[in-house]
Amino acid sequence: MIKNHLEGDLRILINRTVEDNDVMEKVKIKEREFLSLKSSSIERKFSELVFCTLTANTSAEMGLRCQEYLQSIENYSMQNVREKLIECKYRFRNTRARYIEHNHKKMNLLDDFLEREDRRELLVENYMGIGMKEASHFLRNIGYFQYSILDKHIQRFLSTYYNENIRIRNPKDYYNIERKFIILSEEYGFPPGIMDLIIWYIMTGKIIK
């Protein structure tokens, strides 16, 4: 927990983390993994979009587990997806199965969207269950590191770091808070998508994706 830390203490935590060779080696491994997905098949990219859809309001571990369950199916009908989500004990199986079925029908648009500068906005506009955070998460996981993944852990960190109540209620809030995270990332010499891994480690003790 960091709620009792001051900004100076958090800077010490960040410095200690970036100086920890074991942690940073794990970060580098993830960075290479993400970059390798940039040139992967559209099916592999879609699987990553599924992962980011599943992690909303649940844990990254649960999203990862269910992503693996879903990789074995060929027909992304709502019923097939729902059955797999039940198998992996996923809570929001009905809603997310509907999202994934809808998104799979638009899977072939992904590569065209990714070539655009407004790729994040296009993802939000066209895929169900994908907001700014989920779109940023997806893009980072396939090698686009310029976006900030402002999940609850990052928001809590920033609230303490900047000594203000960070709340994201709409895209305008997201852009405003993202600028703060980008400034912090630049200060330490990392792109936002990689700085996210470092802060996530500080907040959770884990590096997942």
N, C-alpha and C. Protein backbone atom coordinates (compact mmCIF):
# COMPACT_ATOMS: atom_id res chain seq x y z
N MET A 1 0.85 -1.21 0.00
CA MET A 1 0.00 0.00 0.00
C MET A 1 0.88 1.25 0.00
N ILE A 2 0.46 2.27 -0.71
CA ILE A 2 1.29 3.48 -0.81
C ILE A 2 0.59 4.71 -0.26
N LYS A 3 -0.61 4.54 0.34
CA LYS A 3 -1.41 5.71 0.67
C LYS A 3 -0.74 6.65 1.66
N ASN A 4 0.20 6.16 2.46
CA ASN A 4 0.86 7.01 3.43
C ASN A 4 2.19 7.57 2.93
N HIS A 5 2.54 7.27 1.71
CA HIS A 5 3.78 7.77 1.14
C HIS A 5 3.60 9.18 0.59
N LEU A 6 4.65 9.97 0.65
CA LEU A 6 4.69 11.28 0.00
C LEU A 6 5.35 11.13 -1.36
N GLU A 7 5.27 12.18 -2.15
CA GLU A 7 5.83 12.13 -3.50
C GLU A 7 7.29 11.71 -3.47
N GLY A 8 8.05 12.28 -2.52
CA GLY A 8 9.47 11.95 -2.43
C GLY A 8 9.70 10.48 -2.16
N ASP A 9 8.84 9.89 -1.33
CA ASP A 9 8.96 8.46 -1.05
C ASP A 9 8.68 7.64 -2.31
N LEU A 10 7.71 8.08 -3.09
CA LEU A 10 7.39 7.35 -4.31
C LEU A 10 8.52 7.44 -5.32
N ARG A 11 9.19 8.57 -5.36
CA ARG A 11 10.35 8.69 -6.24
C ARG A 11 11.43 7.69 -5.83
N ILE A 12 11.60 7.52 -4.52
CA ILE A 12 12.57 6.54 -4.02
C ILE A 12 12.16 5.13 -4.46
N LEU A 13 10.87 4.84 -4.34
CA LEU A 13 10.36 3.53 -4.77
C LEU A 13 10.61 3.28 -6.25
N ILE A 14 10.35 4.30 -7.05
CA ILE A 14 10.59 4.16 -8.49
C ILE A 14 12.07 3.93 -8.77
N ASN A 15 12.91 4.75 -8.14
CA ASN A 15 14.36 4.63 -8.36
C ASN A 15 14.87 3.25 -7.96
N ARG A 16 14.39 2.75 -6.83
CA ARG A 16 14.80 1.42 -6.37
C ARG A 16 14.37 0.35 -7.36
N THR A 17 13.19 0.53 -7.92
CA THR A 17 12.66 -0.46 -8.85
C THR A 17 13.45 -0.47 -10.14
N VAL A 18 13.74 0.71 -10.70
CA VAL A 18 14.46 0.75 -11.98
C VAL A 18 15.92 0.36 -11.81
N GLU A 19 16.42 0.37 -10.57
CA GLU A 19 17.79 -0.06 -10.30
C GLU A 19 17.87 -1.54 -9.95
N ASP A 20 16.70 -2.20 -9.84
CA ASP A 20 16.65 -3.62 -9.50
C ASP A 20 16.81 -4.43 -10.80
N ASN A 21 17.94 -5.06 -10.97
CA ASN A 21 18.23 -5.77 -12.22
C ASN A 21 17.25 -6.89 -12.50
N ASP A 22 16.83 -7.60 -11.46
CA ASP A 22 15.90 -8.71 -11.65
C ASP A 22 14.55 -8.21 -12.17
N VAL A 23 14.05 -7.14 -11.57
CA VAL A 23 12.77 -6.57 -12.01
C VAL A 23 12.88 -6.06 -13.43
N MET A 24 13.93 -5.31 -13.71
CA MET A 24 14.06 -4.70 -15.03
C MET A 24 14.31 -5.73 -16.12
N GLU A 25 14.91 -6.85 -15.78
CA GLU A 25 15.07 -7.92 -16.77
C GLU A 25 13.70 -8.48 -17.14
N LYS A 26 12.81 -8.62 -16.15
CA LYS A 26 11.44 -9.07 -16.43
C LYS A 26 10.70 -8.05 -17.30
N VAL A 27 10.94 -6.78 -17.03
CA VAL A 27 10.33 -5.73 -17.84
C VAL A 27 10.82 -5.82 -19.28
N LYS A 28 12.12 -6.04 -19.47
CA LYS A 28 12.69 -6.14 -20.81
C LYS A 28 12.13 -7.35 -21.57
N ILE A 29 11.93 -8.45 -20.84
CA ILE A 29 11.36 -9.64 -21.47
C ILE A 29 9.95 -9.34 -21.97
N LYS A 30 9.17 -8.65 -21.15
CA LYS A 30 7.82 -8.27 -21.56
C LYS A 30 7.85 -7.32 -22.75
N GLU A 31 8.76 -6.38 -22.71
CA GLU A 31 8.88 -5.43 -23.82
C GLU A 31 9.15 -6.16 -25.14
N ARG A 32 10.06 -7.12 -25.11
CA ARG A 32 10.36 -7.89 -26.32
C ARG A 32 9.15 -8.71 -26.76
N GLU A 33 8.44 -9.26 -25.79
CA GLU A 33 7.24 -10.05 -26.10
C GLU A 33 6.19 -9.17 -26.79
N PHE A 34 5.97 -7.98 -26.26
CA PHE A 34 4.98 -7.07 -26.85
C PHE A 34 5.39 -6.67 -28.26
N LEU A 35 6.66 -6.34 -28.45
CA LEU A 35 7.13 -5.92 -29.77
C LEU A 35 6.98 -7.04 -30.80
N SER A 36 7.16 -8.28 -30.37
CA SER A 36 7.03 -9.40 -31.29
C SER A 36 5.60 -9.54 -31.80
N LEU A 37 4.62 -9.09 -31.00
CA LEU A 37 3.22 -9.21 -31.41
C LEU A 37 2.81 -8.15 -32.42
N LYS A 38 3.64 -7.14 -32.60
CA LYS A 38 3.31 -6.08 -33.54
C LYS A 38 3.22 -6.62 -34.96
N SER A 39 4.00 -7.64 -35.26
CA SER A 39 3.99 -8.23 -36.60
C SER A 39 3.33 -9.60 -36.61
N SER A 40 2.55 -9.90 -35.58
CA SER A 40 1.90 -11.20 -35.48
C SER A 40 0.65 -11.25 -36.36
N SER A 41 0.04 -12.41 -36.44
CA SER A 41 -1.16 -12.59 -37.25
C SER A 41 -2.32 -11.81 -36.64
N ILE A 42 -3.32 -11.57 -37.46
CA ILE A 42 -4.50 -10.84 -36.98
C ILE A 42 -5.24 -11.67 -35.92
N GLU A 43 -5.17 -12.99 -36.04
CA GLU A 43 -5.80 -13.85 -35.03
C GLU A 43 -5.10 -13.70 -33.68
N ARG A 44 -3.79 -13.60 -33.70
CA ARG A 44 -3.05 -13.44 -32.43
C ARG A 44 -3.33 -12.07 -31.82
N LYS A 45 -3.43 -11.06 -32.65
CA LYS A 45 -3.76 -9.73 -32.14
C LYS A 45 -5.17 -9.72 -31.56
N PHE A 46 -6.09 -10.41 -32.25
CA PHE A 46 -7.45 -10.47 -31.73
C PHE A 46 -7.49 -11.16 -30.37
N SER A 47 -6.69 -12.19 -30.20
CA SER A 47 -6.62 -12.86 -28.90
C SER A 47 -6.20 -11.89 -27.81
N GLU A 48 -5.32 -10.95 -28.15
CA GLU A 48 -4.89 -9.95 -27.17
C GLU A 48 -6.02 -8.95 -26.89
N LEU A 49 -6.80 -8.65 -27.91
CA LEU A 49 -7.97 -7.79 -27.70
C LEU A 49 -8.97 -8.48 -26.78
N VAL A 50 -9.13 -9.78 -26.95
CA VAL A 50 -10.00 -10.57 -26.07
C VAL A 50 -9.51 -10.49 -24.63
N PHE A 51 -8.20 -10.65 -24.44
CA PHE A 51 -7.63 -10.55 -23.10
C PHE A 51 -7.97 -9.21 -22.45
N CYS A 52 -7.81 -8.13 -23.19
CA CYS A 52 -8.07 -6.80 -22.63
C CYS A 52 -9.55 -6.58 -22.37
N THR A 53 -10.41 -7.22 -23.16
CA THR A 53 -11.85 -7.17 -22.90
C THR A 53 -12.18 -7.88 -21.60
N LEU A 54 -11.52 -9.00 -21.37
CA LEU A 54 -11.82 -9.83 -20.20
C LEU A 54 -11.28 -9.26 -18.89
N THR A 55 -10.22 -8.46 -18.94
CA THR A 55 -9.62 -7.97 -17.69
C THR A 55 -10.38 -6.81 -17.07
N ALA A 56 -11.28 -6.17 -17.81
CA ALA A 56 -12.04 -5.04 -17.25
C ALA A 56 -12.87 -5.51 -16.05
N ASN A 57 -12.69 -4.84 -14.92
CA ASN A 57 -13.41 -5.14 -13.67
C ASN A 57 -13.12 -6.52 -13.10
N THR A 58 -12.00 -7.09 -13.51
CA THR A 58 -11.55 -8.34 -12.90
C THR A 58 -10.03 -8.32 -12.87
N SER A 59 -9.40 -9.45 -12.58
CA SER A 59 -7.94 -9.46 -12.45
C SER A 59 -7.26 -9.82 -13.76
N ALA A 60 -6.01 -9.40 -13.88
CA ALA A 60 -5.22 -9.76 -15.06
C ALA A 60 -5.03 -11.27 -15.12
N GLU A 61 -4.88 -11.89 -13.94
CA GLU A 61 -4.71 -13.34 -13.91
C GLU A 61 -5.93 -14.06 -14.47
N MET A 62 -7.13 -13.60 -14.10
CA MET A 62 -8.35 -14.21 -14.61
C MET A 62 -8.47 -13.98 -16.12
N GLY A 63 -8.15 -12.76 -16.57
CA GLY A 63 -8.20 -12.48 -17.99
C GLY A 63 -7.25 -13.37 -18.77
N LEU A 64 -6.06 -13.59 -18.24
CA LEU A 64 -5.07 -14.43 -18.91
C LEU A 64 -5.53 -15.88 -18.97
N ARG A 65 -6.10 -16.35 -17.88
CA ARG A 65 -6.57 -17.74 -17.83
C ARG A 65 -7.68 -17.97 -18.85
N CYS A 66 -8.64 -17.05 -18.91
CA CYS A 66 -9.76 -17.20 -19.84
C CYS A 66 -9.32 -17.01 -21.28
N GLN A 67 -8.35 -16.15 -21.50
CA GLN A 67 -7.79 -15.98 -22.85
C GLN A 67 -7.25 -17.32 -23.35
N GLU A 68 -6.57 -18.04 -22.49
CA GLU A 68 -6.01 -19.34 -22.86
C GLU A 68 -7.12 -20.35 -23.17
N TYR A 69 -8.20 -20.31 -22.38
CA TYR A 69 -9.33 -21.20 -22.65
C TYR A 69 -9.92 -20.92 -24.03
N LEU A 70 -10.03 -19.65 -24.38
CA LEU A 70 -10.69 -19.26 -25.62
C LEU A 70 -9.83 -19.52 -26.86
N GLN A 71 -8.54 -19.69 -26.69
CA GLN A 71 -7.66 -19.92 -27.84
C GLN A 71 -7.94 -21.25 -28.52
N SER A 72 -8.67 -22.13 -27.84
CA SER A 72 -8.93 -23.45 -28.41
C SER A 72 -10.18 -23.49 -29.29
N ILE A 73 -10.96 -22.40 -29.36
CA ILE A 73 -12.20 -22.43 -30.13
C ILE A 73 -11.99 -21.84 -31.52
N GLU A 74 -12.77 -22.30 -32.45
CA GLU A 74 -12.72 -21.78 -33.82
C GLU A 74 -13.93 -20.90 -34.13
N ASN A 75 -15.07 -21.24 -33.56
CA ASN A 75 -16.30 -20.49 -33.79
C ASN A 75 -16.57 -19.59 -32.59
N TYR A 76 -16.46 -18.27 -32.82
CA TYR A 76 -16.63 -17.33 -31.72
C TYR A 76 -18.09 -16.91 -31.56
N SER A 77 -19.00 -17.86 -31.64
CA SER A 77 -20.40 -17.55 -31.34
C SER A 77 -20.53 -17.24 -29.86
N MET A 78 -21.54 -16.47 -29.51
CA MET A 78 -21.74 -16.11 -28.11
C MET A 78 -21.85 -17.35 -27.24
N GLN A 79 -22.54 -18.38 -27.72
CA GLN A 79 -22.73 -19.60 -26.95
C GLN A 79 -21.40 -20.31 -26.70
N ASN A 80 -20.57 -20.43 -27.74
CA ASN A 80 -19.27 -21.09 -27.57
C ASN A 80 -18.36 -20.33 -26.61
N VAL A 81 -18.34 -19.02 -26.76
CA VAL A 81 -17.51 -18.19 -25.88
C VAL A 81 -18.02 -18.29 -24.45
N ARG A 82 -19.33 -18.21 -24.29
CA ARG A 82 -19.93 -18.28 -22.95
C ARG A 82 -19.58 -19.60 -22.26
N GLU A 83 -19.63 -20.70 -22.99
CA GLU A 83 -19.31 -22.00 -22.40
C GLU A 83 -17.87 -22.04 -21.90
N LYS A 84 -16.96 -21.47 -22.67
CA LYS A 84 -15.56 -21.44 -22.24
C LYS A 84 -15.37 -20.54 -21.02
N LEU A 85 -16.11 -19.43 -20.99
CA LEU A 85 -15.99 -18.52 -19.84
C LEU A 85 -16.56 -19.16 -18.58
N ILE A 86 -17.59 -19.98 -18.74
CA ILE A 86 -18.12 -20.73 -17.59
C ILE A 86 -17.08 -21.72 -17.09
N GLU A 87 -16.40 -22.39 -18.03
CA GLU A 87 -15.36 -23.36 -17.66
C GLU A 87 -14.26 -22.72 -16.83
N CYS A 88 -13.87 -21.50 -17.20
CA CYS A 88 -12.78 -20.86 -16.46
C CYS A 88 -13.29 -20.00 -15.30
N LYS A 89 -14.60 -20.17 -14.99
CA LYS A 89 -15.22 -19.52 -13.82
C LYS A 89 -15.18 -18.00 -13.90
N TYR A 90 -15.44 -17.51 -15.10
CA TYR A 90 -15.45 -16.06 -15.32
C TYR A 90 -16.80 -15.50 -14.91
N ARG A 91 -16.77 -14.37 -14.22
CA ARG A 91 -17.99 -13.82 -13.62
C ARG A 91 -18.94 -13.22 -14.65
N PHE A 92 -18.43 -12.44 -15.58
CA PHE A 92 -19.28 -11.68 -16.50
C PHE A 92 -19.45 -12.42 -17.83
N ARG A 93 -19.76 -13.72 -17.76
CA ARG A 93 -19.72 -14.55 -18.96
C ARG A 93 -20.72 -14.14 -20.04
N ASN A 94 -21.91 -13.67 -19.66
CA ASN A 94 -22.92 -13.32 -20.66
C ASN A 94 -22.55 -12.04 -21.43
N THR A 95 -22.22 -11.00 -20.67
CA THR A 95 -21.89 -9.71 -21.29
C THR A 95 -20.64 -9.81 -22.15
N ARG A 96 -19.59 -10.41 -21.59
CA ARG A 96 -18.32 -10.46 -22.32
C ARG A 96 -18.39 -11.41 -23.50
N ALA A 97 -19.19 -12.47 -23.39
CA ALA A 97 -19.36 -13.37 -24.54
C ALA A 97 -20.01 -12.62 -25.70
N ARG A 98 -20.97 -11.77 -25.38
CA ARG A 98 -21.63 -10.96 -26.42
C ARG A 98 -20.63 -9.99 -27.04
N TYR A 99 -19.81 -9.35 -26.19
CA TYR A 99 -18.80 -8.42 -26.70
C TYR A 99 -17.83 -9.14 -27.65
N ILE A 100 -17.35 -10.30 -27.22
CA ILE A 100 -16.32 -11.00 -27.98
C ILE A 100 -16.89 -11.50 -29.32
N GLU A 101 -18.13 -11.99 -29.31
CA GLU A 101 -18.77 -12.40 -30.56
C GLU A 101 -18.85 -11.21 -31.53
N HIS A 102 -19.32 -10.08 -31.03
CA HIS A 102 -19.43 -8.88 -31.85
C HIS A 102 -18.06 -8.46 -32.39
N ASN A 103 -17.06 -8.44 -31.52
CA ASN A 103 -15.73 -7.98 -31.92
C ASN A 103 -15.07 -8.92 -32.92
N HIS A 104 -15.34 -10.20 -32.78
CA HIS A 104 -14.75 -11.16 -33.72
C HIS A 104 -15.24 -10.91 -35.14
N LYS A 105 -16.47 -10.48 -35.27
CA LYS A 105 -17.01 -10.18 -36.59
C LYS A 105 -16.29 -9.00 -37.25
N LYS A 106 -15.64 -8.17 -36.43
CA LYS A 106 -14.89 -7.03 -36.94
C LYS A 106 -13.38 -7.23 -36.84
N MET A 107 -12.97 -8.47 -36.61
CA MET A 107 -11.55 -8.76 -36.42
C MET A 107 -10.71 -8.28 -37.60
N ASN A 108 -11.21 -8.44 -38.82
CA ASN A 108 -10.42 -8.11 -40.00
C ASN A 108 -10.18 -6.62 -40.19
N LEU A 109 -10.83 -5.80 -39.37
CA LEU A 109 -10.59 -4.36 -39.43
C LEU A 109 -9.35 -3.94 -38.63
N LEU A 110 -8.88 -4.84 -37.77
CA LEU A 110 -7.82 -4.48 -36.83
C LEU A 110 -6.57 -3.91 -37.51
N ASP A 111 -6.05 -4.62 -38.49
CA ASP A 111 -4.80 -4.16 -39.12
C ASP A 111 -4.96 -2.79 -39.77
N ASP A 112 -6.12 -2.54 -40.38
CA ASP A 112 -6.36 -1.22 -40.99
C ASP A 112 -6.38 -0.14 -39.91
N PHE A 113 -7.04 -0.42 -38.79
CA PHE A 113 -7.11 0.54 -37.69
C PHE A 113 -5.72 0.84 -37.13
N LEU A 114 -4.91 -0.20 -37.02
CA LEU A 114 -3.59 -0.04 -36.39
C LEU A 114 -2.66 0.83 -37.22
N GLU A 115 -2.92 0.95 -38.51
CA GLU A 115 -2.10 1.80 -39.37
C GLU A 115 -2.44 3.28 -39.22
N ARG A 116 -3.53 3.58 -38.56
CA ARG A 116 -4.00 4.96 -38.43
C ARG A 116 -3.44 5.62 -37.16
N GLU A 117 -3.25 6.93 -37.21
CA GLU A 117 -2.79 7.67 -36.03
C GLU A 117 -3.85 7.68 -34.93
N ASP A 118 -5.13 7.66 -35.34
CA ASP A 118 -6.22 7.66 -34.37
C ASP A 118 -6.66 6.24 -34.04
N ARG A 119 -5.70 5.31 -34.02
CA ARG A 119 -6.00 3.89 -33.81
C ARG A 119 -6.74 3.64 -32.49
N ARG A 120 -6.35 4.34 -31.43
CA ARG A 120 -7.00 4.09 -30.15
C ARG A 120 -8.47 4.49 -30.19
N GLU A 121 -8.75 5.64 -30.78
CA GLU A 121 -10.13 6.11 -30.88
C GLU A 121 -10.97 5.17 -31.76
N LEU A 122 -10.37 4.64 -32.81
CA LEU A 122 -11.08 3.72 -33.68
C LEU A 122 -11.42 2.42 -32.95
N LEU A 123 -10.53 1.96 -32.11
CA LEU A 123 -10.81 0.77 -31.32
C LEU A 123 -11.99 1.00 -30.38
N VAL A 124 -11.99 2.15 -29.73
CA VAL A 124 -13.08 2.49 -28.79
C VAL A 124 -14.41 2.59 -29.52
N GLU A 125 -14.38 3.17 -30.70
CA GLU A 125 -15.61 3.40 -31.46
C GLU A 125 -16.19 2.11 -32.05
N ASN A 126 -15.34 1.15 -32.35
CA ASN A 126 -15.78 0.00 -33.14
C ASN A 126 -15.90 -1.32 -32.39
N TYR A 127 -15.28 -1.42 -31.22
CA TYR A 127 -15.30 -2.69 -30.50
C TYR A 127 -16.02 -2.56 -29.16
N MET A 128 -16.90 -3.51 -28.89
CA MET A 128 -17.67 -3.49 -27.65
C MET A 128 -16.79 -3.88 -26.46
N GLY A 129 -17.02 -3.21 -25.34
CA GLY A 129 -16.25 -3.50 -24.14
C GLY A 129 -14.86 -2.92 -24.15
N ILE A 130 -14.56 -2.10 -25.15
CA ILE A 130 -13.24 -1.48 -25.26
C ILE A 130 -13.36 0.02 -25.06
N GLY A 131 -12.94 0.48 -23.88
CA GLY A 131 -12.86 1.90 -23.61
C GLY A 131 -11.43 2.38 -23.76
N MET A 132 -11.14 3.58 -23.29
CA MET A 132 -9.80 4.14 -23.44
C MET A 132 -8.75 3.28 -22.75
N LYS A 133 -9.06 2.81 -21.55
CA LYS A 133 -8.08 1.99 -20.82
C LYS A 133 -7.82 0.68 -21.54
N GLU A 134 -8.90 0.00 -21.96
CA GLU A 134 -8.74 -1.29 -22.62
C GLU A 134 -8.03 -1.15 -23.96
N ALA A 135 -8.36 -0.08 -24.70
CA ALA A 135 -7.69 0.15 -25.98
C ALA A 135 -6.20 0.42 -25.77
N SER A 136 -5.88 1.20 -24.75
CA SER A 136 -4.47 1.50 -24.44
C SER A 136 -3.74 0.23 -24.04
N HIS A 137 -4.40 -0.61 -23.25
CA HIS A 137 -3.81 -1.88 -22.81
C HIS A 137 -3.52 -2.77 -24.01
N PHE A 138 -4.50 -2.90 -24.88
CA PHE A 138 -4.33 -3.72 -26.09
C PHE A 138 -3.17 -3.22 -26.94
N LEU A 139 -3.13 -1.92 -27.17
CA LEU A 139 -2.09 -1.36 -28.03
C LEU A 139 -0.71 -1.56 -27.41
N ARG A 140 -0.60 -1.37 -26.11
CA ARG A 140 0.70 -1.62 -25.45
C ARG A 140 1.10 -3.08 -25.63
N ASN A 141 0.14 -4.00 -25.46
CA ASN A 141 0.46 -5.41 -25.51
C ASN A 141 0.85 -5.91 -26.90
N ILE A 142 0.60 -5.10 -27.93
CA ILE A 142 1.05 -5.47 -29.27
C ILE A 142 2.11 -4.50 -29.78
N GLY A 143 2.79 -3.82 -28.85
CA GLY A 143 3.99 -3.09 -29.22
C GLY A 143 3.87 -1.60 -29.44
N TYR A 144 2.73 -0.99 -29.11
CA TYR A 144 2.58 0.46 -29.21
C TYR A 144 2.70 1.03 -27.79
N PHE A 145 3.84 1.59 -27.47
CA PHE A 145 4.16 1.94 -26.09
C PHE A 145 3.83 3.39 -25.72
N GLN A 146 3.24 4.15 -26.63
CA GLN A 146 3.02 5.58 -26.37
C GLN A 146 1.73 5.87 -25.60
N TYR A 147 0.98 4.83 -25.27
CA TYR A 147 -0.31 5.03 -24.59
C TYR A 147 -0.22 4.66 -23.11
N SER A 148 -1.02 5.35 -22.29
CA SER A 148 -1.02 5.10 -20.85
C SER A 148 -2.23 4.24 -20.48
N ILE A 149 -1.98 3.19 -19.69
CA ILE A 149 -3.04 2.29 -19.25
C ILE A 149 -3.46 2.73 -17.85
N LEU A 150 -4.46 3.57 -17.78
CA LEU A 150 -4.81 4.20 -16.50
C LEU A 150 -5.83 3.34 -15.75
N ASP A 151 -5.37 2.18 -15.28
CA ASP A 151 -6.25 1.32 -14.49
C ASP A 151 -6.26 1.78 -13.04
N LYS A 152 -6.94 1.03 -12.17
CA LYS A 152 -7.11 1.47 -10.78
C LYS A 152 -5.78 1.57 -10.05
N HIS A 153 -4.82 0.70 -10.37
CA HIS A 153 -3.52 0.74 -9.70
C HIS A 153 -2.75 2.01 -10.09
N ILE A 154 -2.76 2.33 -11.36
CA ILE A 154 -2.06 3.53 -11.83
C ILE A 154 -2.75 4.78 -11.31
N GLN A 155 -4.07 4.80 -11.30
CA GLN A 155 -4.80 5.96 -10.78
C GLN A 155 -4.49 6.18 -9.30
N ARG A 156 -4.43 5.08 -8.54
CA ARG A 156 -4.12 5.20 -7.11
C ARG A 156 -2.70 5.73 -6.91
N PHE A 157 -1.78 5.24 -7.71
CA PHE A 157 -0.40 5.72 -7.63
C PHE A 157 -0.35 7.22 -7.93
N LEU A 158 -0.99 7.63 -9.02
CA LEU A 158 -0.96 9.03 -9.42
C LEU A 158 -1.65 9.93 -8.41
N SER A 159 -2.70 9.44 -7.78
CA SER A 159 -3.39 10.22 -6.75
C SER A 159 -2.44 10.56 -5.62
N THR A 160 -1.63 9.59 -5.24
CA THR A 160 -0.66 9.82 -4.16
C THR A 160 0.51 10.67 -4.66
N TYR A 161 1.00 10.36 -5.83
CA TYR A 161 2.17 11.05 -6.37
C TYR A 161 1.90 12.54 -6.54
N TYR A 162 0.72 12.87 -7.08
CA TYR A 162 0.38 14.27 -7.33
C TYR A 162 -0.47 14.88 -6.21
N ASN A 163 -0.74 14.08 -5.17
CA ASN A 163 -1.51 14.56 -4.02
C ASN A 163 -2.84 15.20 -4.46
N GLU A 164 -3.56 14.47 -5.30
CA GLU A 164 -4.89 14.91 -5.72
C GLU A 164 -5.75 13.70 -6.01
N ASN A 165 -7.05 13.90 -5.98
CA ASN A 165 -7.97 12.79 -6.22
C ASN A 165 -8.11 12.56 -7.72
N ILE A 166 -7.45 11.53 -8.22
CA ILE A 166 -7.50 11.20 -9.63
C ILE A 166 -8.76 10.39 -9.91
N ARG A 167 -9.64 10.92 -10.73
CA ARG A 167 -10.86 10.22 -11.12
C ARG A 167 -11.06 10.37 -12.62
N ILE A 168 -11.32 9.26 -13.28
CA ILE A 168 -11.55 9.29 -14.73
C ILE A 168 -13.00 8.92 -14.99
N ARG A 169 -13.75 9.89 -15.50
CA ARG A 169 -15.18 9.68 -15.75
C ARG A 169 -15.53 9.73 -17.23
N ASN A 170 -14.62 10.23 -18.05
CA ASN A 170 -14.90 10.38 -19.47
C ASN A 170 -13.57 10.50 -20.23
N PRO A 171 -13.61 10.45 -21.56
CA PRO A 171 -12.37 10.54 -22.34
C PRO A 171 -11.55 11.80 -22.07
N LYS A 172 -12.21 12.93 -21.81
CA LYS A 172 -11.47 14.16 -21.53
C LYS A 172 -10.61 13.98 -20.27
N ASP A 173 -11.20 13.39 -19.23
CA ASP A 173 -10.43 13.11 -18.01
C ASP A 173 -9.26 12.20 -18.34
N TYR A 174 -9.51 11.20 -19.18
CA TYR A 174 -8.45 10.24 -19.51
C TYR A 174 -7.27 10.95 -20.17
N TYR A 175 -7.54 11.80 -21.14
CA TYR A 175 -6.47 12.52 -21.82
C TYR A 175 -5.70 13.42 -20.84
N ASN A 176 -6.43 14.09 -19.94
CA ASN A 176 -5.79 14.99 -18.98
C ASN A 176 -4.86 14.24 -18.03
N ILE A 177 -5.34 13.10 -17.50
CA ILE A 177 -4.53 12.32 -16.58
C ILE A 177 -3.40 11.62 -17.34
N GLU A 178 -3.65 11.24 -18.57
CA GLU A 178 -2.60 10.61 -19.37
C GLU A 178 -1.40 11.54 -19.52
N ARG A 179 -1.66 12.82 -19.67
CA ARG A 179 -0.54 13.78 -19.80
C ARG A 179 0.34 13.75 -18.56
N LYS A 180 -0.27 13.61 -17.39
CA LYS A 180 0.51 13.52 -16.15
C LYS A 180 1.40 12.27 -16.15
N PHE A 181 0.82 11.16 -16.61
CA PHE A 181 1.59 9.92 -16.62
C PHE A 181 2.70 9.97 -17.65
N ILE A 182 2.44 10.60 -18.78
CA ILE A 182 3.47 10.74 -19.81
C ILE A 182 4.65 11.57 -19.29
N ILE A 183 4.34 12.65 -18.57
CA ILE A 183 5.40 13.49 -17.99
C ILE A 183 6.25 12.68 -17.01
N LEU A 184 5.57 11.90 -16.16
CA LEU A 184 6.28 11.05 -15.20
C LEU A 184 7.16 10.03 -15.93
N SER A 185 6.63 9.43 -16.98
CA SER A 185 7.37 8.42 -17.74
C SER A 185 8.61 9.03 -18.40
N GLU A 186 8.43 10.20 -19.00
CA GLU A 186 9.56 10.86 -19.66
C GLU A 186 10.66 11.22 -18.67
N GLU A 187 10.26 11.58 -17.47
CA GLU A 187 11.23 11.94 -16.43
C GLU A 187 12.18 10.78 -16.14
N TYR A 188 11.66 9.55 -16.25
CA TYR A 188 12.49 8.38 -15.96
C TYR A 188 13.01 7.70 -17.23
N GLY A 189 12.68 8.28 -18.38
CA GLY A 189 13.25 7.78 -19.63
C GLY A 189 12.58 6.55 -20.20
N PHE A 190 11.32 6.33 -19.86
CA PHE A 190 10.59 5.19 -20.38
C PHE A 190 9.35 5.65 -21.13
N PRO A 191 8.94 4.94 -22.17
CA PRO A 191 7.63 5.24 -22.78
C PRO A 191 6.54 4.83 -21.80
N PRO A 192 5.35 5.42 -21.89
CA PRO A 192 4.28 5.13 -20.93
C PRO A 192 3.94 3.66 -20.78
N GLY A 193 3.91 2.92 -21.89
CA GLY A 193 3.54 1.51 -21.82
C GLY A 193 4.52 0.66 -21.03
N ILE A 194 5.77 1.07 -20.99
CA ILE A 194 6.78 0.36 -20.21
C ILE A 194 6.80 0.88 -18.77
N MET A 195 6.63 2.18 -18.60
CA MET A 195 6.54 2.74 -17.25
C MET A 195 5.37 2.11 -16.50
N ASP A 196 4.32 1.77 -17.22
CA ASP A 196 3.18 1.10 -16.62
C ASP A 196 3.59 -0.18 -15.91
N LEU A 197 4.46 -0.97 -16.53
CA LEU A 197 4.92 -2.22 -15.92
C LEU A 197 5.66 -1.95 -14.62
N ILE A 198 6.44 -0.88 -14.60
CA ILE A 198 7.23 -0.53 -13.42
C ILE A 198 6.32 -0.10 -12.26
N ILE A 199 5.37 0.77 -12.57
CA ILE A 199 4.44 1.22 -11.53
C ILE A 199 3.54 0.08 -11.07
N TRP A 200 3.13 -0.76 -12.01
CA TRP A 200 2.30 -1.92 -11.67
C TRP A 200 3.04 -2.83 -10.71
N TYR A 201 4.35 -2.99 -10.94
CA TYR A 201 5.15 -3.82 -10.04
C TYR A 201 5.21 -3.19 -8.64
N ILE A 202 5.38 -1.88 -8.59
CA ILE A 202 5.41 -1.19 -7.30
C ILE A 202 4.09 -1.37 -6.55
N MET A 203 2.99 -1.33 -7.28
CA MET A 203 1.67 -1.39 -6.67
C MET A 203 1.24 -2.82 -6.32
N THR A 204 1.68 -3.80 -7.09
CA THR A 204 1.16 -5.17 -6.91
C THR A 204 2.22 -6.21 -6.63
N GLY A 205 3.48 -5.87 -6.90
CA GLY A 205 4.54 -6.86 -6.75
C GLY A 205 4.58 -7.86 -7.89
N LYS A 206 3.86 -7.56 -8.99
CA LYS A 206 3.75 -8.49 -10.11
C LYS A 206 4.05 -7.78 -11.43
N ILE A 207 4.52 -8.56 -12.39
CA ILE A 207 4.62 -8.10 -13.77
C ILE A 207 3.92 -9.15 -14.61
N ILE A 208 2.74 -8.81 -15.10
CA ILE A 208 1.96 -9.78 -15.89
C ILE A 208 1.92 -9.29 -17.33
N LYS A 209 0.91 -8.51 -17.68
CA LYS A 209 0.88 -7.86 -19.00
C LYS A 209 -0.31 -6.95 -19.07
